[in-house]
């Protein structure tokens, strides 16, 4: 992760970051009909703060990524409260969101967040990373994820992607 003053910094989110995260969520996902409610986002940050990252550029939060740890291997469900699935002992990291402000896209911030979440999965000895997306499958495929399946949910076409991990490292 980058750390100097003029480069982006990826760090764990704190509750004070949430208003900016809500803005980013709405901007990034509302056009696809997949924006989460603020209460769900806040619960994710509270339940698994290590798996909730922001990326800053010049003292502004320009993107974020959130995740949960699961014991079981169901498909992700948009709008599901994290309390229903998150388990601190889980071995599957589910990436619930990666979002970058529109005006900051194409600069590598999404990759910075994804790398940070992969590091979280490895530190927690997860065996798999899982996510679903309506529009960004190519981004994840270029980073080593594989398509697990395609599905329909609430009228949306979604792609479920996975990355297998072994011994805390990527295969």
N, C-alpha and C. Protein backbone atom coordinates (compact mmCIF):
# COMPACT_ATOMS: atom_id res chain seq x y z
N UNK A 1 0.84 -1.18 0.00
CA UNK A 1 0.00 0.00 0.00
C UNK A 1 0.88 1.25 0.00
N UNK A 2 0.45 2.25 -0.71
CA UNK A 2 1.22 3.49 -0.79
C UNK A 2 1.06 4.28 0.50
N UNK A 3 2.11 5.05 0.85
CA UNK A 3 2.03 5.76 2.12
C UNK A 3 2.55 7.19 2.12
N UNK A 4 3.12 7.73 1.05
CA UNK A 4 3.65 9.09 1.19
C UNK A 4 2.55 10.13 1.03
N UNK A 5 2.85 11.37 1.40
CA UNK A 5 1.84 12.42 1.51
C UNK A 5 1.11 12.69 0.19
N UNK A 6 1.79 12.62 -0.95
CA UNK A 6 1.16 12.96 -2.22
C UNK A 6 0.57 11.76 -2.93
N UNK A 7 0.87 10.58 -2.46
CA UNK A 7 0.31 9.36 -3.02
C UNK A 7 -0.89 8.93 -2.19
N UNK A 8 -1.75 8.14 -2.79
CA UNK A 8 -2.90 7.64 -2.03
C UNK A 8 -2.46 6.80 -0.84
N UNK A 9 -3.26 6.84 0.20
CA UNK A 9 -3.02 6.05 1.40
C UNK A 9 -4.24 5.16 1.62
N UNK A 10 -4.00 3.86 1.78
CA UNK A 10 -5.07 2.92 2.12
C UNK A 10 -4.96 2.65 3.62
N UNK A 11 -6.09 2.79 4.31
CA UNK A 11 -6.09 2.59 5.76
C UNK A 11 -7.44 2.02 6.19
N UNK A 12 -7.47 1.55 7.42
CA UNK A 12 -8.71 1.05 8.00
C UNK A 12 -9.65 2.24 8.21
N UNK A 13 -10.91 2.06 7.87
CA UNK A 13 -11.91 3.12 8.06
C UNK A 13 -12.26 3.26 9.54
N UNK A 14 -12.63 4.46 9.91
CA UNK A 14 -13.13 4.75 11.25
C UNK A 14 -14.55 5.32 11.09
N UNK A 15 -15.34 5.30 12.16
CA UNK A 15 -16.72 5.79 12.04
C UNK A 15 -16.85 7.19 11.45
N UNK A 16 -15.89 8.06 11.71
CA UNK A 16 -15.96 9.43 11.16
C UNK A 16 -15.86 9.46 9.64
N UNK A 17 -15.38 8.38 9.02
CA UNK A 17 -15.27 8.30 7.56
C UNK A 17 -16.60 7.97 6.89
N UNK A 18 -17.56 7.49 7.65
CA UNK A 18 -18.78 6.94 7.05
C UNK A 18 -19.59 7.93 6.21
N UNK A 19 -19.73 9.20 6.59
CA UNK A 19 -20.49 10.10 5.69
C UNK A 19 -19.90 10.16 4.28
N UNK A 20 -18.57 10.19 4.16
CA UNK A 20 -17.96 10.20 2.83
C UNK A 20 -18.16 8.85 2.14
N UNK A 21 -18.08 7.76 2.90
CA UNK A 21 -18.31 6.43 2.34
C UNK A 21 -19.73 6.33 1.79
N UNK A 22 -20.72 6.86 2.52
CA UNK A 22 -22.11 6.83 2.04
C UNK A 22 -22.24 7.57 0.71
N UNK A 23 -21.56 8.71 0.57
CA UNK A 23 -21.58 9.46 -0.69
C UNK A 23 -21.01 8.62 -1.83
N UNK A 24 -19.89 7.97 -1.56
CA UNK A 24 -19.23 7.16 -2.59
C UNK A 24 -20.11 5.98 -2.98
N UNK A 25 -20.71 5.33 -2.00
CA UNK A 25 -21.61 4.20 -2.25
C UNK A 25 -22.75 4.62 -3.17
N UNK A 26 -23.38 5.72 -2.84
CA UNK A 26 -24.51 6.20 -3.63
C UNK A 26 -24.07 6.53 -5.06
N UNK A 27 -22.97 7.25 -5.19
CA UNK A 27 -22.47 7.65 -6.51
C UNK A 27 -22.11 6.44 -7.36
N UNK A 28 -21.44 5.46 -6.74
CA UNK A 28 -20.93 4.31 -7.49
C UNK A 28 -22.01 3.28 -7.83
N UNK A 29 -22.95 3.03 -6.91
CA UNK A 29 -23.85 1.90 -7.08
C UNK A 29 -25.30 2.25 -7.40
N UNK A 30 -25.73 3.47 -7.14
CA UNK A 30 -27.11 3.83 -7.43
C UNK A 30 -27.45 3.64 -8.92
N UNK A 31 -26.55 3.98 -9.85
CA UNK A 31 -26.90 3.77 -11.26
C UNK A 31 -27.19 2.30 -11.61
N UNK A 32 -26.68 1.37 -10.82
CA UNK A 32 -26.90 -0.06 -11.07
C UNK A 32 -28.02 -0.62 -10.21
N UNK A 33 -28.57 0.19 -9.33
CA UNK A 33 -29.63 -0.27 -8.45
C UNK A 33 -29.14 -1.15 -7.32
N UNK A 34 -27.84 -1.04 -6.98
CA UNK A 34 -27.27 -1.93 -5.96
C UNK A 34 -26.70 -1.18 -4.75
N UNK A 35 -27.02 0.09 -4.60
CA UNK A 35 -26.51 0.85 -3.46
C UNK A 35 -27.10 0.29 -2.16
N UNK A 36 -26.25 0.14 -1.16
CA UNK A 36 -26.66 -0.38 0.14
C UNK A 36 -27.15 0.77 1.02
N UNK A 37 -27.98 0.45 1.98
CA UNK A 37 -28.46 1.43 2.96
C UNK A 37 -27.31 1.81 3.90
N UNK A 38 -27.25 3.07 4.33
CA UNK A 38 -26.20 3.49 5.26
C UNK A 38 -26.09 2.61 6.51
N UNK A 39 -27.22 2.15 7.05
CA UNK A 39 -27.17 1.31 8.26
C UNK A 39 -26.42 0.01 8.01
N UNK A 40 -26.54 -0.56 6.83
CA UNK A 40 -25.83 -1.79 6.51
C UNK A 40 -24.34 -1.51 6.40
N UNK A 41 -23.99 -0.42 5.75
CA UNK A 41 -22.57 -0.05 5.59
C UNK A 41 -21.95 0.21 6.97
N UNK A 42 -22.65 0.95 7.81
CA UNK A 42 -22.14 1.25 9.16
C UNK A 42 -21.97 -0.03 9.98
N UNK A 43 -22.90 -0.97 9.84
CA UNK A 43 -22.79 -2.23 10.57
C UNK A 43 -21.57 -3.02 10.09
N UNK A 44 -21.28 -2.98 8.80
CA UNK A 44 -20.08 -3.68 8.30
C UNK A 44 -18.82 -3.09 8.90
N UNK A 45 -18.76 -1.76 8.97
CA UNK A 45 -17.57 -1.12 9.54
C UNK A 45 -17.44 -1.47 11.02
N UNK A 46 -18.54 -1.52 11.72
CA UNK A 46 -18.52 -1.82 13.14
C UNK A 46 -18.17 -3.29 13.43
N UNK A 47 -18.75 -4.21 12.66
CA UNK A 47 -18.56 -5.64 12.91
C UNK A 47 -17.17 -6.15 12.52
N UNK A 48 -16.60 -5.60 11.44
CA UNK A 48 -15.31 -6.10 10.95
C UNK A 48 -14.49 -4.92 10.43
N UNK A 49 -14.04 -4.09 11.37
CA UNK A 49 -13.34 -2.86 10.98
C UNK A 49 -12.04 -3.14 10.24
N UNK A 50 -11.38 -4.25 10.54
CA UNK A 50 -10.14 -4.56 9.82
C UNK A 50 -10.40 -4.83 8.34
N UNK A 51 -11.60 -5.28 8.02
CA UNK A 51 -11.95 -5.57 6.64
C UNK A 51 -12.72 -4.45 5.96
N UNK A 52 -12.61 -3.23 6.50
CA UNK A 52 -13.30 -2.07 5.93
C UNK A 52 -12.23 -0.99 5.73
N UNK A 53 -11.85 -0.78 4.48
CA UNK A 53 -10.74 0.10 4.13
C UNK A 53 -11.20 1.31 3.35
N UNK A 54 -10.47 2.41 3.50
CA UNK A 54 -10.67 3.59 2.66
C UNK A 54 -9.35 3.93 1.99
N UNK A 55 -9.45 4.61 0.86
CA UNK A 55 -8.26 5.14 0.20
C UNK A 55 -8.42 6.66 0.15
N UNK A 56 -7.37 7.36 0.60
CA UNK A 56 -7.37 8.82 0.65
C UNK A 56 -6.39 9.38 -0.37
N UNK A 57 -6.76 10.50 -0.93
CA UNK A 57 -5.89 11.26 -1.81
C UNK A 57 -6.03 12.72 -1.38
N UNK A 58 -4.93 13.33 -0.99
CA UNK A 58 -4.95 14.74 -0.58
C UNK A 58 -6.03 15.02 0.47
N UNK A 59 -6.05 14.20 1.53
CA UNK A 59 -6.96 14.36 2.66
C UNK A 59 -8.44 14.20 2.32
N UNK A 60 -8.75 13.55 1.20
CA UNK A 60 -10.13 13.28 0.84
C UNK A 60 -10.27 11.78 0.62
N UNK A 61 -11.32 11.20 1.15
CA UNK A 61 -11.59 9.79 0.89
C UNK A 61 -12.14 9.68 -0.52
N UNK A 62 -11.45 8.91 -1.36
CA UNK A 62 -11.85 8.79 -2.76
C UNK A 62 -12.40 7.41 -3.09
N UNK A 63 -12.30 6.47 -2.14
CA UNK A 63 -12.85 5.15 -2.37
C UNK A 63 -12.85 4.34 -1.10
N UNK A 64 -13.56 3.22 -1.16
CA UNK A 64 -13.59 2.33 0.00
C UNK A 64 -13.83 0.90 -0.45
N UNK A 65 -13.54 -0.01 0.46
CA UNK A 65 -13.85 -1.42 0.26
C UNK A 65 -14.27 -2.02 1.58
N UNK A 66 -15.27 -2.89 1.53
CA UNK A 66 -15.75 -3.53 2.76
C UNK A 66 -15.84 -5.03 2.55
N UNK A 67 -15.82 -5.75 3.66
CA UNK A 67 -15.86 -7.21 3.58
C UNK A 67 -16.44 -7.79 4.87
N UNK A 68 -16.75 -9.07 4.79
CA UNK A 68 -17.23 -9.86 5.91
C UNK A 68 -16.49 -11.18 5.88
N UNK A 69 -16.44 -11.85 7.02
CA UNK A 69 -15.90 -13.21 7.07
C UNK A 69 -17.05 -14.18 7.29
N UNK A 70 -17.04 -15.25 6.49
CA UNK A 70 -18.11 -16.23 6.55
C UNK A 70 -17.58 -17.60 6.92
N UNK A 71 -18.38 -18.37 7.65
CA UNK A 71 -18.08 -19.78 7.90
C UNK A 71 -18.62 -20.65 6.77
N UNK A 72 -19.80 -20.30 6.26
CA UNK A 72 -20.45 -21.05 5.19
C UNK A 72 -20.09 -20.42 3.85
N UNK A 73 -20.49 -21.06 2.76
CA UNK A 73 -20.16 -20.59 1.42
C UNK A 73 -21.41 -20.32 0.57
N UNK A 74 -22.34 -19.49 1.07
CA UNK A 74 -23.50 -19.15 0.24
C UNK A 74 -23.12 -18.06 -0.76
N UNK A 75 -24.02 -17.78 -1.67
CA UNK A 75 -23.81 -16.64 -2.56
C UNK A 75 -24.05 -15.36 -1.77
N UNK A 76 -23.32 -14.29 -2.10
CA UNK A 76 -23.61 -12.99 -1.49
C UNK A 76 -25.04 -12.57 -1.83
N UNK A 77 -25.65 -11.79 -0.95
CA UNK A 77 -27.00 -11.29 -1.17
C UNK A 77 -26.98 -9.78 -0.93
N UNK A 78 -27.31 -9.01 -1.94
CA UNK A 78 -27.37 -7.56 -1.82
C UNK A 78 -28.41 -7.18 -0.78
N UNK A 79 -28.05 -6.27 0.10
CA UNK A 79 -28.97 -5.77 1.10
C UNK A 79 -29.06 -6.61 2.36
N UNK A 80 -28.31 -7.71 2.44
CA UNK A 80 -28.35 -8.55 3.63
C UNK A 80 -27.58 -7.90 4.76
N UNK A 81 -28.18 -7.77 5.94
CA UNK A 81 -27.44 -7.20 7.07
C UNK A 81 -26.21 -8.05 7.39
N UNK A 82 -25.08 -7.45 7.67
CA UNK A 82 -23.87 -8.23 7.91
C UNK A 82 -23.96 -9.15 9.12
N UNK A 83 -24.81 -8.81 10.07
CA UNK A 83 -24.98 -9.67 11.24
C UNK A 83 -25.49 -11.06 10.86
N UNK A 84 -26.16 -11.17 9.71
CA UNK A 84 -26.72 -12.44 9.27
C UNK A 84 -25.65 -13.40 8.75
N UNK A 85 -24.52 -12.88 8.30
CA UNK A 85 -23.52 -13.75 7.68
C UNK A 85 -22.14 -13.67 8.32
N UNK A 86 -21.76 -12.51 8.82
CA UNK A 86 -20.39 -12.33 9.33
C UNK A 86 -20.14 -13.20 10.56
N UNK A 87 -18.98 -13.86 10.56
CA UNK A 87 -18.54 -14.66 11.71
C UNK A 87 -17.05 -14.41 11.89
N UNK A 88 -16.61 -13.95 13.05
CA UNK A 88 -15.19 -13.66 13.26
C UNK A 88 -14.28 -14.85 12.99
N UNK A 89 -14.81 -16.07 13.06
CA UNK A 89 -14.01 -17.27 12.81
C UNK A 89 -14.10 -17.75 11.37
N UNK A 90 -14.79 -17.01 10.52
CA UNK A 90 -14.99 -17.42 9.14
C UNK A 90 -13.69 -17.57 8.37
N UNK A 91 -13.71 -18.45 7.38
CA UNK A 91 -12.53 -18.69 6.53
C UNK A 91 -12.77 -18.27 5.08
N UNK A 92 -13.91 -17.64 4.84
CA UNK A 92 -14.21 -17.09 3.52
C UNK A 92 -14.37 -15.59 3.68
N UNK A 93 -13.58 -14.83 2.96
CA UNK A 93 -13.73 -13.37 2.98
C UNK A 93 -14.66 -13.00 1.83
N UNK A 94 -15.79 -12.39 2.17
CA UNK A 94 -16.71 -11.90 1.15
C UNK A 94 -16.50 -10.40 1.00
N UNK A 95 -16.06 -9.98 -0.16
CA UNK A 95 -15.95 -8.55 -0.45
C UNK A 95 -17.34 -8.05 -0.77
N UNK A 96 -17.84 -7.17 0.07
CA UNK A 96 -19.20 -6.67 -0.10
C UNK A 96 -19.27 -5.42 -0.96
N UNK A 97 -18.15 -4.69 -1.07
CA UNK A 97 -18.13 -3.51 -1.93
C UNK A 97 -16.70 -3.04 -2.15
N UNK A 98 -16.45 -2.56 -3.35
CA UNK A 98 -15.29 -1.72 -3.65
C UNK A 98 -15.86 -0.61 -4.53
N UNK A 99 -15.69 0.63 -4.10
CA UNK A 99 -16.26 1.76 -4.82
C UNK A 99 -15.28 2.93 -4.80
N UNK A 100 -15.17 3.58 -5.95
CA UNK A 100 -14.29 4.74 -6.12
C UNK A 100 -15.13 5.89 -6.67
N UNK A 101 -14.88 7.08 -6.16
CA UNK A 101 -15.59 8.26 -6.70
C UNK A 101 -15.36 8.33 -8.21
N UNK A 102 -16.40 8.68 -8.95
CA UNK A 102 -16.31 8.73 -10.42
C UNK A 102 -15.12 9.53 -10.91
N UNK A 103 -14.86 10.68 -10.30
CA UNK A 103 -13.79 11.56 -10.79
C UNK A 103 -12.39 11.04 -10.47
N UNK A 104 -12.30 9.94 -9.71
CA UNK A 104 -11.00 9.36 -9.35
C UNK A 104 -10.78 7.98 -9.96
N UNK A 105 -11.69 7.52 -10.77
CA UNK A 105 -11.56 6.20 -11.37
C UNK A 105 -10.45 6.18 -12.41
N UNK A 106 -9.90 4.99 -12.62
CA UNK A 106 -8.85 4.82 -13.62
C UNK A 106 -7.47 5.19 -13.13
N UNK A 107 -7.30 5.39 -11.84
CA UNK A 107 -6.01 5.79 -11.28
C UNK A 107 -5.38 4.71 -10.39
N UNK A 108 -6.00 3.54 -10.34
CA UNK A 108 -5.45 2.45 -9.54
C UNK A 108 -5.95 2.36 -8.12
N UNK A 109 -6.90 3.22 -7.72
CA UNK A 109 -7.39 3.20 -6.36
C UNK A 109 -8.17 1.91 -6.05
N UNK A 110 -8.94 1.42 -7.02
CA UNK A 110 -9.67 0.18 -6.82
C UNK A 110 -8.72 -0.99 -6.60
N UNK A 111 -7.64 -1.01 -7.35
CA UNK A 111 -6.62 -2.05 -7.17
C UNK A 111 -5.97 -1.93 -5.80
N UNK A 112 -5.71 -0.72 -5.35
CA UNK A 112 -5.14 -0.52 -4.01
C UNK A 112 -6.05 -1.10 -2.94
N UNK A 113 -7.36 -0.83 -3.05
CA UNK A 113 -8.32 -1.35 -2.08
C UNK A 113 -8.38 -2.88 -2.17
N UNK A 114 -8.47 -3.40 -3.39
CA UNK A 114 -8.54 -4.86 -3.56
C UNK A 114 -7.30 -5.53 -2.98
N UNK A 115 -6.12 -4.99 -3.25
CA UNK A 115 -4.89 -5.55 -2.67
C UNK A 115 -4.94 -5.54 -1.15
N UNK A 116 -5.47 -4.45 -0.58
CA UNK A 116 -5.60 -4.37 0.87
C UNK A 116 -6.54 -5.43 1.42
N UNK A 117 -7.65 -5.68 0.73
CA UNK A 117 -8.60 -6.70 1.18
C UNK A 117 -8.03 -8.11 1.01
N UNK A 118 -7.25 -8.34 -0.04
CA UNK A 118 -6.59 -9.63 -0.20
C UNK A 118 -5.61 -9.84 0.96
N UNK A 119 -4.90 -8.79 1.34
CA UNK A 119 -3.99 -8.89 2.50
C UNK A 119 -4.76 -9.22 3.77
N UNK A 120 -5.93 -8.61 3.96
CA UNK A 120 -6.76 -8.93 5.13
C UNK A 120 -7.11 -10.41 5.12
N UNK A 121 -7.54 -10.93 3.98
CA UNK A 121 -7.90 -12.35 3.87
C UNK A 121 -6.73 -13.24 4.25
N UNK A 122 -5.55 -12.89 3.78
CA UNK A 122 -4.36 -13.69 4.09
C UNK A 122 -4.01 -13.63 5.57
N UNK A 123 -4.07 -12.44 6.16
CA UNK A 123 -3.77 -12.30 7.60
C UNK A 123 -4.75 -13.08 8.46
N UNK A 124 -5.97 -13.23 7.97
CA UNK A 124 -7.00 -13.95 8.72
C UNK A 124 -7.08 -15.43 8.31
N UNK A 125 -6.10 -15.88 7.54
CA UNK A 125 -6.03 -17.27 7.10
C UNK A 125 -7.30 -17.75 6.39
N UNK A 126 -7.89 -16.87 5.60
CA UNK A 126 -9.06 -17.26 4.82
C UNK A 126 -8.62 -18.19 3.69
N UNK A 127 -9.48 -19.11 3.33
CA UNK A 127 -9.17 -20.06 2.27
C UNK A 127 -9.71 -19.60 0.91
N UNK A 128 -10.62 -18.60 0.96
CA UNK A 128 -11.26 -18.16 -0.27
C UNK A 128 -11.70 -16.71 -0.11
N UNK A 129 -11.74 -16.00 -1.24
CA UNK A 129 -12.35 -14.68 -1.31
C UNK A 129 -13.48 -14.79 -2.32
N UNK A 130 -14.61 -14.21 -1.97
CA UNK A 130 -15.80 -14.32 -2.81
C UNK A 130 -16.45 -12.94 -2.93
N UNK A 131 -17.11 -12.69 -4.06
CA UNK A 131 -17.83 -11.44 -4.26
C UNK A 131 -18.81 -11.61 -5.39
N UNK A 132 -19.70 -10.64 -5.52
CA UNK A 132 -20.57 -10.58 -6.69
C UNK A 132 -20.55 -9.17 -7.25
N UNK A 133 -20.77 -9.07 -8.55
CA UNK A 133 -20.77 -7.76 -9.19
C UNK A 133 -21.77 -7.74 -10.33
N UNK A 134 -22.34 -6.58 -10.56
CA UNK A 134 -23.25 -6.41 -11.69
C UNK A 134 -22.53 -5.86 -12.92
N UNK A 135 -21.33 -5.29 -12.71
CA UNK A 135 -20.73 -4.55 -13.81
C UNK A 135 -19.19 -4.57 -13.86
N UNK A 136 -18.52 -5.13 -12.86
CA UNK A 136 -17.06 -5.00 -12.80
C UNK A 136 -16.32 -6.34 -12.85
N UNK A 137 -16.91 -7.35 -13.46
CA UNK A 137 -16.26 -8.67 -13.49
C UNK A 137 -14.86 -8.60 -14.10
N UNK A 138 -14.68 -7.84 -15.17
CA UNK A 138 -13.36 -7.78 -15.81
C UNK A 138 -12.27 -7.28 -14.86
N UNK A 139 -12.60 -6.32 -14.01
CA UNK A 139 -11.65 -5.82 -13.03
C UNK A 139 -11.13 -6.96 -12.17
N UNK A 140 -12.03 -7.79 -11.67
CA UNK A 140 -11.65 -8.89 -10.78
C UNK A 140 -10.96 -10.02 -11.55
N UNK A 141 -11.41 -10.30 -12.75
CA UNK A 141 -10.78 -11.35 -13.56
C UNK A 141 -9.31 -11.02 -13.84
N UNK A 142 -9.01 -9.75 -14.06
CA UNK A 142 -7.63 -9.32 -14.29
C UNK A 142 -6.76 -9.44 -13.05
N UNK A 143 -7.37 -9.59 -11.89
CA UNK A 143 -6.64 -9.72 -10.63
C UNK A 143 -6.60 -11.16 -10.12
N UNK A 144 -7.02 -12.11 -10.94
CA UNK A 144 -6.89 -13.52 -10.58
C UNK A 144 -8.14 -14.21 -10.08
N UNK A 145 -9.27 -13.53 -10.07
CA UNK A 145 -10.52 -14.16 -9.68
C UNK A 145 -11.05 -15.00 -10.83
N UNK A 146 -11.86 -15.98 -10.50
CA UNK A 146 -12.51 -16.84 -11.48
C UNK A 146 -14.02 -16.70 -11.35
N UNK A 147 -14.73 -16.83 -12.45
CA UNK A 147 -16.19 -16.79 -12.40
C UNK A 147 -16.69 -18.10 -11.80
N UNK A 148 -17.47 -17.98 -10.74
CA UNK A 148 -18.09 -19.16 -10.12
C UNK A 148 -19.43 -19.45 -10.78
N UNK A 149 -20.19 -18.37 -11.06
CA UNK A 149 -21.47 -18.53 -11.73
C UNK A 149 -22.08 -17.17 -12.03
N UNK A 150 -23.12 -17.21 -12.83
CA UNK A 150 -23.94 -16.03 -13.10
C UNK A 150 -25.30 -16.29 -12.46
N UNK A 151 -25.94 -15.22 -11.96
CA UNK A 151 -27.24 -15.38 -11.34
C UNK A 151 -28.07 -14.13 -11.53
N UNK A 152 -29.34 -14.26 -11.26
CA UNK A 152 -30.28 -13.14 -11.26
C UNK A 152 -30.72 -12.89 -9.83
N UNK A 153 -30.79 -11.61 -9.43
CA UNK A 153 -31.28 -11.26 -8.11
C UNK A 153 -31.99 -9.92 -8.20
N UNK A 154 -33.21 -9.88 -7.81
CA UNK A 154 -34.00 -8.63 -7.83
C UNK A 154 -33.95 -7.95 -9.20
N UNK A 155 -34.00 -8.75 -10.26
CA UNK A 155 -33.98 -8.21 -11.61
C UNK A 155 -32.61 -7.81 -12.13
N UNK A 156 -31.55 -8.09 -11.37
CA UNK A 156 -30.19 -7.76 -11.79
C UNK A 156 -29.45 -9.01 -12.24
N UNK A 157 -28.65 -8.87 -13.27
CA UNK A 157 -27.74 -9.95 -13.68
C UNK A 157 -26.44 -9.76 -12.92
N UNK A 158 -26.05 -10.76 -12.14
CA UNK A 158 -24.86 -10.67 -11.30
C UNK A 158 -23.89 -11.79 -11.65
N UNK A 159 -22.61 -11.49 -11.48
CA UNK A 159 -21.55 -12.47 -11.64
C UNK A 159 -20.93 -12.72 -10.27
N UNK A 160 -20.88 -13.98 -9.86
CA UNK A 160 -20.22 -14.36 -8.62
C UNK A 160 -18.80 -14.80 -8.97
N UNK A 161 -17.82 -14.19 -8.31
CA UNK A 161 -16.42 -14.49 -8.57
C UNK A 161 -15.75 -14.99 -7.30
N UNK A 162 -14.71 -15.80 -7.46
CA UNK A 162 -13.98 -16.36 -6.33
C UNK A 162 -12.49 -16.38 -6.61
N UNK A 163 -11.72 -16.31 -5.54
CA UNK A 163 -10.28 -16.51 -5.59
C UNK A 163 -9.94 -17.48 -4.46
N UNK A 164 -9.36 -18.60 -4.81
CA UNK A 164 -8.94 -19.59 -3.82
C UNK A 164 -7.60 -19.16 -3.22
N UNK A 165 -7.48 -19.31 -1.92
CA UNK A 165 -6.23 -19.03 -1.22
C UNK A 165 -5.79 -20.33 -0.54
N UNK A 166 -4.51 -20.52 -0.39
CA UNK A 166 -4.04 -21.69 0.34
C UNK A 166 -2.88 -21.26 1.23
N UNK A 167 -2.93 -21.68 2.47
CA UNK A 167 -1.86 -21.33 3.40
C UNK A 167 -1.68 -19.84 3.58
N UNK A 168 -2.77 -19.07 3.38
CA UNK A 168 -2.68 -17.63 3.54
C UNK A 168 -2.06 -16.91 2.36
N UNK A 169 -1.79 -17.63 1.27
CA UNK A 169 -1.23 -16.98 0.09
C UNK A 169 -2.03 -17.35 -1.13
N UNK A 170 -1.99 -16.53 -2.11
CA UNK A 170 -2.70 -16.75 -3.36
C UNK A 170 -2.03 -17.87 -4.12
N UNK A 171 -2.83 -18.74 -4.73
CA UNK A 171 -2.27 -19.84 -5.53
C UNK A 171 -1.70 -19.33 -6.83
